[in-house]
Amino acid sequence: MSATDGHRRPARAQRVLCVGDVVGEEAARWLAGRVPQLRADHGLDWVVVNAENCAVTGPNPMDGFGMTVEVVDELLDAGVDAITGGNHSWDGPDVDKILAYPQVVRPLNLEEDRGQGLLALTGRDTTLTVINLLSPTAELPGMAAPMPRPLWPSWQDIVASHDLPGAVVIDLHGESPWEKASFAAAIDGQVAGVLGTHTHDPTLRGHILPAGTGYVTELGMTGRLGHTGGGFDPMHFVAKLRGEDHTTLPAYTLAEGPLALGAVVLDIDPTGSTTAITRIS
């Protein structure tokens, strides 16, 4: 199953680990240390990680979130095949260097000269196309990211103008569960998987839609589980809810508590349809 007829199909079944938002450098290093064992334990062909929150250093989201070269290198050296982003793909001090990495995918559905929104992974008799999309619901005022285009016309343009070889997996970075579910249903049968990110709180169920697309509303976050479960101390979010100036607070800090992995494994058959979704925690 490819997004359009005539594209080459994967030669054999494949297993893909999809990891939700990594929150902070500590969590990124914790994950990197476990990737080789995860590959062995689950017979993985590909590892796709959302790492847009792997650097948290400042009082404002545009100053303190994003990725750093050091952490991206550590994830790639550990065996991560593709790194996806979202509304923080344009944040952080290393943004130009990060977007130049061939393994880093930023949201495709906006006007941006830097970086790429689509990556075709090939090897071991398999092909996987990774796409990153950003919902307008995830874009907040003051963020550094350009405003994304709506999902449906963006998808129509992508299918018309891009080669999408093999099985296709989409990291859909968005706020609304209904929007994610509607988009997955709208393209059921065109892609192997639609995996939601951004809200950090994992949904338990994995859905295999009627035409073979695997769907998870939210992969969850990879980081410490303390406080509200999003990986951060909630003081900035509480201040914003109250209408207070959160920029006067100390820098964003990470939560305390045990480290957790928000991830699923997709089993994708040789036609590009998902046959099983297994949550890994």
C-alpha atoms as a PDB file:
ATOM      1  CA  MET A   1       0.000   0.000   0.000  1.00  0.00           C
ATOM      2  CA  SER A   2       1.543   3.271  -1.166  1.00  0.00           C
ATOM      3  CA  ALA A   3       0.077   6.736  -1.156  1.00  0.00           C
ATOM      4  CA  THR A   4      -0.376   6.628  -4.917  1.00  0.00           C
ATOM      5  CA  ASP A   5      -0.560   3.812  -7.442  1.00  0.00           C
ATOM      6  CA  GLY A   6       2.620   2.775  -9.198  1.00  0.00           C
ATOM      7  CA  HIS A   7       5.118   3.415  -6.409  1.00  0.00           C
ATOM      8  CA  ARG A   8       7.417   0.567  -5.516  1.00  0.00           C
ATOM      9  CA  ARG A   9       6.326  -1.505  -2.547  1.00  0.00           C
ATOM     10  CA  PRO A  10       8.384  -2.853   0.341  1.00  0.00           C
ATOM     11  CA  ALA A  11       9.930  -6.221  -0.491  1.00  0.00           C
ATOM     12  CA  ARG A  12       9.128  -7.827   2.868  1.00  0.00           C
ATOM     13  CA  ALA A  13       7.362  -7.191   6.140  1.00  0.00           C
ATOM     14  CA  GLN A  14       9.001  -4.646   8.436  1.00  0.00           C
ATOM     15  CA  ARG A  15       8.825  -3.496  12.052  1.00  0.00           C
ATOM     16  CA  VAL A  16       9.014   0.185  12.935  1.00  0.00           C
ATOM     17  CA  LEU A  17       9.465   1.708  16.399  1.00  0.00           C
ATOM     18  CA  CYS A  18       7.828   5.144  16.637  1.00  0.00           C
ATOM     19  CA  VAL A  19       8.775   7.173  19.726  1.00  0.00           C
ATOM     20  CA  GLY A  20       6.850  10.202  21.014  1.00  0.00           C
ATOM     21  CA  ASP A  21       8.235  13.592  22.068  1.00  0.00           C
ATOM     22  CA  VAL A  22      11.562  13.210  23.890  1.00  0.00           C
ATOM     23  CA  VAL A  23      11.603  15.774  26.720  1.00  0.00           C
ATOM     24  CA  GLY A  24      15.045  16.960  27.785  1.00  0.00           C
ATOM     25  CA  GLU A  25      18.631  15.849  27.265  1.00  0.00           C
ATOM     26  CA  GLU A  26      18.511  13.300  30.070  1.00  0.00           C
ATOM     27  CA  ALA A  27      15.585  11.500  28.437  1.00  0.00           C
ATOM     28  CA  ALA A  28      17.308  11.591  25.039  1.00  0.00           C
ATOM     29  CA  ARG A  29      20.425   9.970  26.482  1.00  0.00           C
ATOM     30  CA  TRP A  30      18.318   7.428  28.369  1.00  0.00           C
ATOM     31  CA  LEU A  31      16.575   6.526  25.117  1.00  0.00           C
ATOM     32  CA  ALA A  32      19.845   6.409  23.161  1.00  0.00           C
ATOM     33  CA  GLY A  33      21.230   3.935  25.664  1.00  0.00           C
ATOM     34  CA  ARG A  34      18.249   1.644  25.085  1.00  0.00           C
ATOM     35  CA  VAL A  35      17.908   1.775  21.297  1.00  0.00           C
ATOM     36  CA  PRO A  36      20.308  -1.124  20.572  1.00  0.00           C
ATOM     37  CA  GLN A  37      18.471  -3.402  23.022  1.00  0.00           C
ATOM     38  CA  LEU A  38      15.072  -2.295  21.726  1.00  0.00           C
ATOM     39  CA  ARG A  39      16.209  -3.164  18.209  1.00  0.00           C
ATOM     40  CA  ALA A  40      17.300  -6.620  19.328  1.00  0.00           C
ATOM     41  CA  ASP A  41      14.290  -7.345  21.542  1.00  0.00           C
ATOM     42  CA  HIS A  42      11.686  -6.318  18.969  1.00  0.00           C
ATOM     43  CA  GLY A  43      13.432  -7.191  15.695  1.00  0.00           C
ATOM     44  CA  LEU A  44      13.200  -3.601  14.483  1.00  0.00           C
ATOM     45  CA  ASP A  45      13.959  -2.487  10.951  1.00  0.00           C
ATOM     46  CA  TRP A  46      13.553   1.242  11.620  1.00  0.00           C
ATOM     47  CA  VAL A  47      13.477   3.601  14.597  1.00  0.00           C
ATOM     48  CA  VAL A  48      11.680   6.956  14.238  1.00  0.00           C
ATOM     49  CA  VAL A  49      11.907   9.437  17.141  1.00  0.00           C
ATOM     50  CA  ASN A  50      10.216  12.796  17.714  1.00  0.00           C
ATOM     51  CA  ALA A  51      12.908  14.900  19.434  1.00  0.00           C
ATOM     52  CA  GLU A  52      11.640  18.476  19.136  1.00  0.00           C
ATOM     53  CA  ASN A  53      11.735  18.921  22.942  1.00  0.00           C
ATOM     54  CA  CYS A  54      15.133  17.336  23.611  1.00  0.00           C
ATOM     55  CA  ALA A  55      16.620  20.704  24.675  1.00  0.00           C
ATOM     56  CA  VAL A  56      14.799  22.682  27.376  1.00  0.00           C
ATOM     57  CA  THR A  57      16.902  25.604  28.576  1.00  0.00           C
ATOM     58  CA  GLY A  58      15.024  28.927  28.675  1.00  0.00           C
ATOM     59  CA  PRO A  59      11.964  30.746  30.034  1.00  0.00           C
ATOM     60  CA  ASN A  60      10.262  31.065  26.634  1.00  0.00           C
ATOM     61  CA  PRO A  61       9.361  28.179  24.300  1.00  0.00           C
ATOM     62  CA  MET A  62      11.129  29.814  21.350  1.00  0.00           C
ATOM     63  CA  ASP A  63      14.250  30.373  23.452  1.00  0.00           C
ATOM     64  CA  GLY A  64      14.374  27.137  25.372  1.00  0.00           C
ATOM     65  CA  PHE A  65      12.962  24.246  23.346  1.00  0.00           C
ATOM     66  CA  GLY A  66      14.177  22.529  20.200  1.00  0.00           C
ATOM     67  CA  MET A  67      17.080  20.226  19.410  1.00  0.00           C
ATOM     68  CA  THR A  68      20.816  20.471  19.870  1.00  0.00           C
ATOM     69  CA  VAL A  69      23.551  19.022  17.666  1.00  0.00           C
ATOM     70  CA  GLU A  70      24.974  17.113  20.623  1.00  0.00           C
ATOM     71  CA  VAL A  71      21.734  15.279  21.405  1.00  0.00           C
ATOM     72  CA  VAL A  72      20.841  14.612  17.763  1.00  0.00           C
ATOM     73  CA  ASP A  73      24.283  13.103  17.210  1.00  0.00           C
ATOM     74  CA  GLU A  74      23.819  10.887  20.258  1.00  0.00           C
ATOM     75  CA  LEU A  75      20.450   9.605  19.038  1.00  0.00           C
ATOM     76  CA  LEU A  76      21.746   8.930  15.526  1.00  0.00           C
ATOM     77  CA  ASP A  77      24.883   7.221  16.828  1.00  0.00           C
ATOM     78  CA  ALA A  78      22.660   4.957  18.930  1.00  0.00           C
ATOM     79  CA  GLY A  79      20.837   3.734  15.838  1.00  0.00           C
ATOM     80  CA  VAL A  80      17.875   6.094  15.399  1.00  0.00           C
ATOM     81  CA  ASP A  81      17.053   6.247  11.680  1.00  0.00           C
ATOM     82  CA  ALA A  82      14.832   9.339  11.479  1.00  0.00           C
ATOM     83  CA  ILE A  83      14.164  12.260  13.827  1.00  0.00           C
ATOM     84  CA  THR A  84      10.885  14.152  13.478  1.00  0.00           C
ATOM     85  CA  GLY A  85       9.762  17.477  14.911  1.00  0.00           C
ATOM     86  CA  GLY A  86       6.779  19.777  15.166  1.00  0.00           C
ATOM     87  CA  ASN A  87       6.091  23.340  16.285  1.00  0.00           C
ATOM     88  CA  HIS A  88       9.522  23.481  17.987  1.00  0.00           C
ATOM     89  CA  SER A  89      11.469  22.401  14.892  1.00  0.00           C
ATOM     90  CA  TRP A  90      12.527  26.038  14.399  1.00  0.00           C
ATOM     91  CA  ASP A  91      13.545  26.704  18.010  1.00  0.00           C
ATOM     92  CA  GLY A  92      16.868  26.438  19.797  1.00  0.00           C
ATOM     93  CA  PRO A  93      20.360  27.765  19.126  1.00  0.00           C
ATOM     94  CA  ASP A  94      21.329  25.051  16.616  1.00  0.00           C
ATOM     95  CA  VAL A  95      18.277  25.229  14.348  1.00  0.00           C
ATOM     96  CA  ASP A  96      20.129  25.795  11.053  1.00  0.00           C
ATOM     97  CA  LYS A  97      22.544  22.939  11.737  1.00  0.00           C
ATOM     98  CA  ILE A  98      19.747  20.644  12.888  1.00  0.00           C
ATOM     99  CA  LEU A  99      17.594  21.206   9.822  1.00  0.00           C
ATOM    100  CA  ALA A 100      20.602  20.443   7.600  1.00  0.00           C
ATOM    101  CA  TYR A 101      20.820  16.856   8.888  1.00  0.00           C
ATOM    102  CA  PRO A 102      19.544  14.412   6.239  1.00  0.00           C
ATOM    103  CA  GLN A 103      18.002  12.259   8.999  1.00  0.00           C
ATOM    104  CA  VAL A 104      15.993  15.130  10.529  1.00  0.00           C
ATOM    105  CA  VAL A 105      12.469  15.704   9.228  1.00  0.00           C
ATOM    106  CA  ARG A 106      10.564  18.903   9.971  1.00  0.00           C
ATOM    107  CA  PRO A 107       6.868  19.510   9.164  1.00  0.00           C
ATOM    108  CA  LEU A 108       6.341  19.392   5.423  1.00  0.00           C
ATOM    109  CA  ASN A 109       3.117  21.402   5.180  1.00  0.00           C
ATOM    110  CA  LEU A 110       4.478  24.954   5.312  1.00  0.00           C
ATOM    111  CA  GLU A 111       6.613  27.351   3.344  1.00  0.00           C
ATOM    112  CA  GLU A 112      10.195  26.848   4.511  1.00  0.00           C
ATOM    113  CA  ASP A 113      13.450  26.658   2.576  1.00  0.00           C
ATOM    114  CA  ARG A 114      15.432  24.954   5.336  1.00  0.00           C
ATOM    115  CA  GLY A 115      15.296  21.257   5.986  1.00  0.00           C
ATOM    116  CA  GLN A 116      13.081  18.548   4.596  1.00  0.00           C
ATOM    117  CA  GLY A 117       9.640  17.252   5.482  1.00  0.00           C
ATOM    118  CA  LEU A 118       9.975  13.803   3.952  1.00  0.00           C
ATOM    119  CA  LEU A 119      12.634  11.098   4.230  1.00  0.00           C
ATOM    120  CA  ALA A 120      12.823   7.777   2.373  1.00  0.00           C
ATOM    121  CA  LEU A 121      14.714   5.114   4.324  1.00  0.00           C
ATOM    122  CA  THR A 122      15.997   2.149   2.341  1.00  0.00           C
ATOM    123  CA  GLY A 123      17.922  -0.954   3.357  1.00  0.00           C
ATOM    124  CA  ARG A 124      17.570  -4.558   4.487  1.00  0.00           C
ATOM    125  CA  ASP A 125      15.105  -5.172   1.627  1.00  0.00           C
ATOM    126  CA  THR A 126      12.676  -2.617   3.040  1.00  0.00           C
ATOM    127  CA  THR A 127      11.670   0.935   2.225  1.00  0.00           C
ATOM    128  CA  LEU A 128       9.981   3.324   4.629  1.00  0.00           C
ATOM    129  CA  THR A 129       8.945   6.883   3.851  1.00  0.00           C
ATOM    130  CA  VAL A 130       8.703   9.127   6.945  1.00  0.00           C
ATOM    131  CA  ILE A 131       6.606  12.305   6.746  1.00  0.00           C
ATOM    132  CA  ASN A 132       6.211  14.993   9.410  1.00  0.00           C
ATOM    133  CA  LEU A 133       3.030  17.108   9.389  1.00  0.00           C
ATOM    134  CA  LEU A 134       2.088  19.974  11.717  1.00  0.00           C
ATOM    135  CA  SER A 135      -1.521  20.772  12.517  1.00  0.00           C
ATOM    136  CA  PRO A 136      -2.483  24.450  12.871  1.00  0.00           C
ATOM    137  CA  THR A 137      -3.893  23.415  16.277  1.00  0.00           C
ATOM    138  CA  ALA A 138      -0.351  22.885  17.559  1.00  0.00           C
ATOM    139  CA  GLU A 139       0.927  26.300  16.521  1.00  0.00           C
ATOM    140  CA  LEU A 140       0.910  28.836  19.349  1.00  0.00           C
ATOM    141  CA  PRO A 141       1.251  32.641  19.070  1.00  0.00           C
ATOM    142  CA  GLY A 142       4.857  33.732  19.410  1.00  0.00           C
ATOM    143  CA  MET A 143       6.374  30.451  18.266  1.00  0.00           C
ATOM    144  CA  ALA A 144       9.226  30.624  15.799  1.00  0.00           C
ATOM    145  CA  ALA A 145       7.613  28.142  13.392  1.00  0.00           C
ATOM    146  CA  PRO A 146       5.822  29.430  10.288  1.00  0.00           C
ATOM    147  CA  MET A 147       2.073  28.838  10.251  1.00  0.00           C
ATOM    148  CA  PRO A 148       1.294  25.439   8.695  1.00  0.00           C
ATOM    149  CA  ARG A 149      -1.229  24.885   5.939  1.00  0.00           C
ATOM    150  CA  PRO A 150      -4.387  22.877   6.724  1.00  0.00           C
ATOM    151  CA  LEU A 151      -3.855  19.150   6.623  1.00  0.00           C
ATOM    152  CA  TRP A 152      -6.177  18.014   3.829  1.00  0.00           C
ATOM    153  CA  PRO A 153      -5.053  20.359   1.017  1.00  0.00           C
ATOM    154  CA  SER A 154      -1.467  19.801   2.161  1.00  0.00           C
ATOM    155  CA  TRP A 155      -1.877  16.042   1.829  1.00  0.00           C
ATOM    156  CA  GLN A 156      -3.396  16.370  -1.637  1.00  0.00           C
ATOM    157  CA  ASP A 157      -0.397  18.449  -2.726  1.00  0.00           C
ATOM    158  CA  ILE A 158       2.052  15.981  -1.184  1.00  0.00           C
ATOM    159  CA  VAL A 159       0.538  13.030  -3.047  1.00  0.00           C
ATOM    160  CA  ALA A 160       0.533  14.987  -6.301  1.00  0.00           C
ATOM    161  CA  SER A 161       4.093  16.292  -6.082  1.00  0.00           C
ATOM    162  CA  HIS A 162       6.189  13.760  -4.140  1.00  0.00           C
ATOM    163  CA  ASP A 163       7.363  10.223  -4.707  1.00  0.00           C
ATOM    164  CA  LEU A 164       6.355   8.210  -1.631  1.00  0.00           C
ATOM    165  CA  PRO A 165       8.154   4.886  -1.938  1.00  0.00           C
ATOM    166  CA  GLY A 166       7.457   1.815   0.152  1.00  0.00           C
ATOM    167  CA  ALA A 167       5.418   1.954   3.319  1.00  0.00           C
ATOM    168  CA  VAL A 168       4.550   5.464   4.510  1.00  0.00           C
ATOM    169  CA  VAL A 169       4.440   6.547   8.162  1.00  0.00           C
ATOM    170  CA  ILE A 170       3.276  10.024   9.209  1.00  0.00           C
ATOM    171  CA  ASP A 171       4.151  11.805  12.459  1.00  0.00           C
ATOM    172  CA  LEU A 172       1.126  14.095  12.835  1.00  0.00           C
ATOM    173  CA  HIS A 173       1.958  16.788  15.375  1.00  0.00           C
ATOM    174  CA  GLY A 174      -1.326  18.238  16.577  1.00  0.00           C
ATOM    175  CA  GLU A 175      -3.519  19.222  19.501  1.00  0.00           C
ATOM    176  CA  SER A 176      -6.926  17.855  18.496  1.00  0.00           C
ATOM    177  CA  PRO A 177      -7.697  14.121  18.810  1.00  0.00           C
ATOM    178  CA  TRP A 178     -10.673  14.515  16.488  1.00  0.00           C
ATOM    179  CA  GLU A 179      -8.555  16.154  13.811  1.00  0.00           C
ATOM    180  CA  LYS A 180      -5.939  13.415  14.029  1.00  0.00           C
ATOM    181  CA  ALA A 181      -8.600  10.693  13.839  1.00  0.00           C
ATOM    182  CA  SER A 182     -10.382  12.387  10.939  1.00  0.00           C
ATOM    183  CA  PHE A 183      -7.157  12.799   8.979  1.00  0.00           C
ATOM    184  CA  ALA A 184      -6.195   9.152   9.538  1.00  0.00           C
ATOM    185  CA  ALA A 185      -9.632   8.011   8.355  1.00  0.00           C
ATOM    186  CA  ALA A 186      -9.458  10.307   5.322  1.00  0.00           C
ATOM    187  CA  ILE A 187      -6.213   8.724   4.101  1.00  0.00           C
ATOM    188  CA  ASP A 188      -6.903   5.158   5.256  1.00  0.00           C
ATOM    189  CA  GLY A 189      -5.370   2.785   2.738  1.00  0.00           C
ATOM    190  CA  GLN A 190      -2.874   5.335   1.434  1.00  0.00           C
ATOM    191  CA  VAL A 191      -0.300   5.048   4.236  1.00  0.00           C
ATOM    192  CA  ALA A 192       0.871   2.426   6.712  1.00  0.00           C
ATOM    193  CA  GLY A 193       0.545   4.604   9.788  1.00  0.00           C
ATOM    194  CA  VAL A 194      -0.577   7.932  11.228  1.00  0.00           C
ATOM    195  CA  LEU A 195       1.028   8.478  14.646  1.00  0.00           C
ATOM    196  CA  GLY A 196      -0.039  11.456  16.736  1.00  0.00           C
ATOM    197  CA  THR A 197       2.440  13.531  18.746  1.00  0.00           C
ATOM    198  CA  HIS A 198       2.455  16.880  20.620  1.00  0.00           C
ATOM    199  CA  THR A 199       0.096  16.402  23.595  1.00  0.00           C
ATOM    200  CA  HIS A 200       2.530  14.092  25.468  1.00  0.00           C
ATOM    201  CA  ASP A 201      -0.142  12.000  27.249  1.00  0.00           C
ATOM    202  CA  PRO A 202      -0.259   8.576  25.536  1.00  0.00           C
ATOM    203  CA  THR A 203      -3.458   6.985  24.287  1.00  0.00           C
ATOM    204  CA  LEU A 204      -3.629   3.283  24.995  1.00  0.00           C
ATOM    205  CA  ARG A 205      -5.432   2.006  21.948  1.00  0.00           C
ATOM    206  CA  GLY A 206      -3.877   1.406  18.580  1.00  0.00           C
ATOM    207  CA  HIS A 207      -6.410   1.284  15.757  1.00  0.00           C
ATOM    208  CA  ILE A 208      -6.011  -0.630  12.510  1.00  0.00           C
ATOM    209  CA  LEU A 209      -8.391   1.124  10.153  1.00  0.00           C
ATOM    210  CA  PRO A 210     -10.478  -0.820   7.597  1.00  0.00           C
ATOM    211  CA  ALA A 211      -8.113  -0.304   4.643  1.00  0.00           C
ATOM    212  CA  GLY A 212      -4.954  -1.120   6.637  1.00  0.00           C
ATOM    213  CA  THR A 213      -3.680   2.167   8.068  1.00  0.00           C
ATOM    214  CA  GLY A 214      -2.448   1.940  11.649  1.00  0.00           C
ATOM    215  CA  TYR A 215      -3.486   4.875  13.839  1.00  0.00           C
ATOM    216  CA  VAL A 216      -2.533   6.045  17.328  1.00  0.00           C
ATOM    217  CA  THR A 217      -3.940   9.351  18.590  1.00  0.00           C
ATOM    218  CA  GLU A 218      -0.925  10.147  20.782  1.00  0.00           C
ATOM    219  CA  LEU A 219       2.369   8.279  21.157  1.00  0.00           C
ATOM    220  CA  GLY A 220       3.052  10.056  24.438  1.00  0.00           C
ATOM    221  CA  MET A 221       6.271  11.565  25.671  1.00  0.00           C
ATOM    222  CA  THR A 222       9.622  10.051  26.570  1.00  0.00           C
ATOM    223  CA  GLY A 223      10.858  11.596  29.810  1.00  0.00           C
ATOM    224  CA  ARG A 224      10.090  11.857  33.502  1.00  0.00           C
ATOM    225  CA  LEU A 225       6.518  11.163  34.584  1.00  0.00           C
ATOM    226  CA  GLY A 226       6.253  13.505  37.567  1.00  0.00           C
ATOM    227  CA  HIS A 227       3.804  16.411  37.959  1.00  0.00           C
ATOM    228  CA  THR A 228       1.147  16.321  35.231  1.00  0.00           C
ATOM    229  CA  GLY A 229       2.851  13.664  33.093  1.00  0.00           C
ATOM    230  CA  GLY A 230       4.030  15.914  30.272  1.00  0.00           C
ATOM    231  CA  GLY A 231       7.674  15.830  31.254  1.00  0.00           C
ATOM    232  CA  PHE A 232       7.782  19.439  32.535  1.00  0.00           C
ATOM    233  CA  ASP A 233       7.234  21.207  35.813  1.00  0.00           C
ATOM    234  CA  PRO A 234       3.787  22.784  35.174  1.00  0.00           C
ATOM    235  CA  MET A 235       4.452  26.232  36.678  1.00  0.00           C
ATOM    236  CA  HIS A 236       4.706  28.011  33.285  1.00  0.00           C
ATOM    237  CA  PHE A 237       1.549  26.382  31.974  1.00  0.00           C
ATOM    238  CA  VAL A 238      -0.333  27.218  35.175  1.00  0.00           C
ATOM    239  CA  ALA A 239       0.773  30.864  34.942  1.00  0.00           C
ATOM    240  CA  LYS A 240      -0.412  31.118  31.332  1.00  0.00           C
ATOM    241  CA  LEU A 241      -3.765  29.576  32.293  1.00  0.00           C
ATOM    242  CA  ARG A 242      -4.168  32.228  34.994  1.00  0.00           C
ATOM    243  CA  GLY A 243      -3.318  35.009  32.555  1.00  0.00           C
ATOM    244  CA  GLU A 244      -0.019  35.771  34.291  1.00  0.00           C
ATOM    245  CA  ASP A 245       3.288  36.663  32.635  1.00  0.00           C
ATOM    246  CA  HIS A 246       5.067  33.324  32.652  1.00  0.00           C
ATOM    247  CA  THR A 247       8.237  34.848  31.144  1.00  0.00           C
ATOM    248  CA  THR A 248       9.075  36.335  34.548  1.00  0.00           C
ATOM    249  CA  LEU A 249       9.376  32.841  36.006  1.00  0.00           C
ATOM    250  CA  PRO A 250      12.605  30.832  36.147  1.00  0.00           C
ATOM    251  CA  ALA A 251      13.466  28.727  33.107  1.00  0.00           C
ATOM    252  CA  TYR A 252      11.334  25.745  32.209  1.00  0.00           C
ATOM    253  CA  THR A 253      12.376  22.793  34.334  1.00  0.00           C
ATOM    254  CA  LEU A 254      11.850  19.105  33.783  1.00  0.00           C
ATOM    255  CA  ALA A 255       9.565  16.953  35.872  1.00  0.00           C
ATOM    256  CA  GLU A 256      10.781  14.582  38.536  1.00  0.00           C
ATOM    257  CA  GLY A 257       9.801  10.941  38.794  1.00  0.00           C
ATOM    258  CA  PRO A 258      10.602   7.774  36.853  1.00  0.00           C
ATOM    259  CA  LEU A 259      11.645   7.885  33.219  1.00  0.00           C
ATOM    260  CA  ALA A 260       9.092   6.494  30.778  1.00  0.00           C
ATOM    261  CA  LEU A 261       9.038   5.589  27.102  1.00  0.00           C
ATOM    262  CA  GLY A 262       6.073   6.666  24.971  1.00  0.00           C
ATOM    263  CA  ALA A 263       6.269   4.466  21.881  1.00  0.00           C
ATOM    264  CA  VAL A 264       4.624   1.861  19.680  1.00  0.00           C
ATOM    265  CA  VAL A 265       5.885  -0.801  17.300  1.00  0.00           C
ATOM    266  CA  LEU A 266       4.135  -1.084  13.940  1.00  0.00           C
ATOM    267  CA  ASP A 267       4.132  -4.405  12.094  1.00  0.00           C
ATOM    268  CA  ILE A 268       3.816  -3.572   8.397  1.00  0.00           C
ATOM    269  CA  ASP A 269       3.220  -6.323   5.846  1.00  0.00           C
ATOM    270  CA  PRO A 270       4.826  -6.476   2.361  1.00  0.00           C
ATOM    271  CA  THR A 271       1.896  -4.549   0.838  1.00  0.00           C
ATOM    272  CA  GLY A 272       2.465  -1.632   3.221  1.00  0.00           C
ATOM    273  CA  SER A 273      -0.546  -2.294   5.459  1.00  0.00           C
ATOM    274  CA  THR A 274      -0.214  -2.323   9.241  1.00  0.00           C
ATOM    275  CA  THR A 275      -1.136  -5.687  10.762  1.00  0.00           C
ATOM    276  CA  ALA A 276      -0.385  -5.006  14.441  1.00  0.00           C
ATOM    277  CA  ILE A 277       0.319  -2.104  16.811  1.00  0.00           C
ATOM    278  CA  THR A 278       2.148  -2.886  20.056  1.00  0.00           C
ATOM    279  CA  ARG A 279       2.593  -0.251  22.752  1.00  0.00           C
ATOM    280  CA  ILE A 280       6.089  -0.268  24.292  1.00  0.00           C
ATOM    281  CA  SER A 281       6.539   1.338  27.701  1.00  0.00           C
END
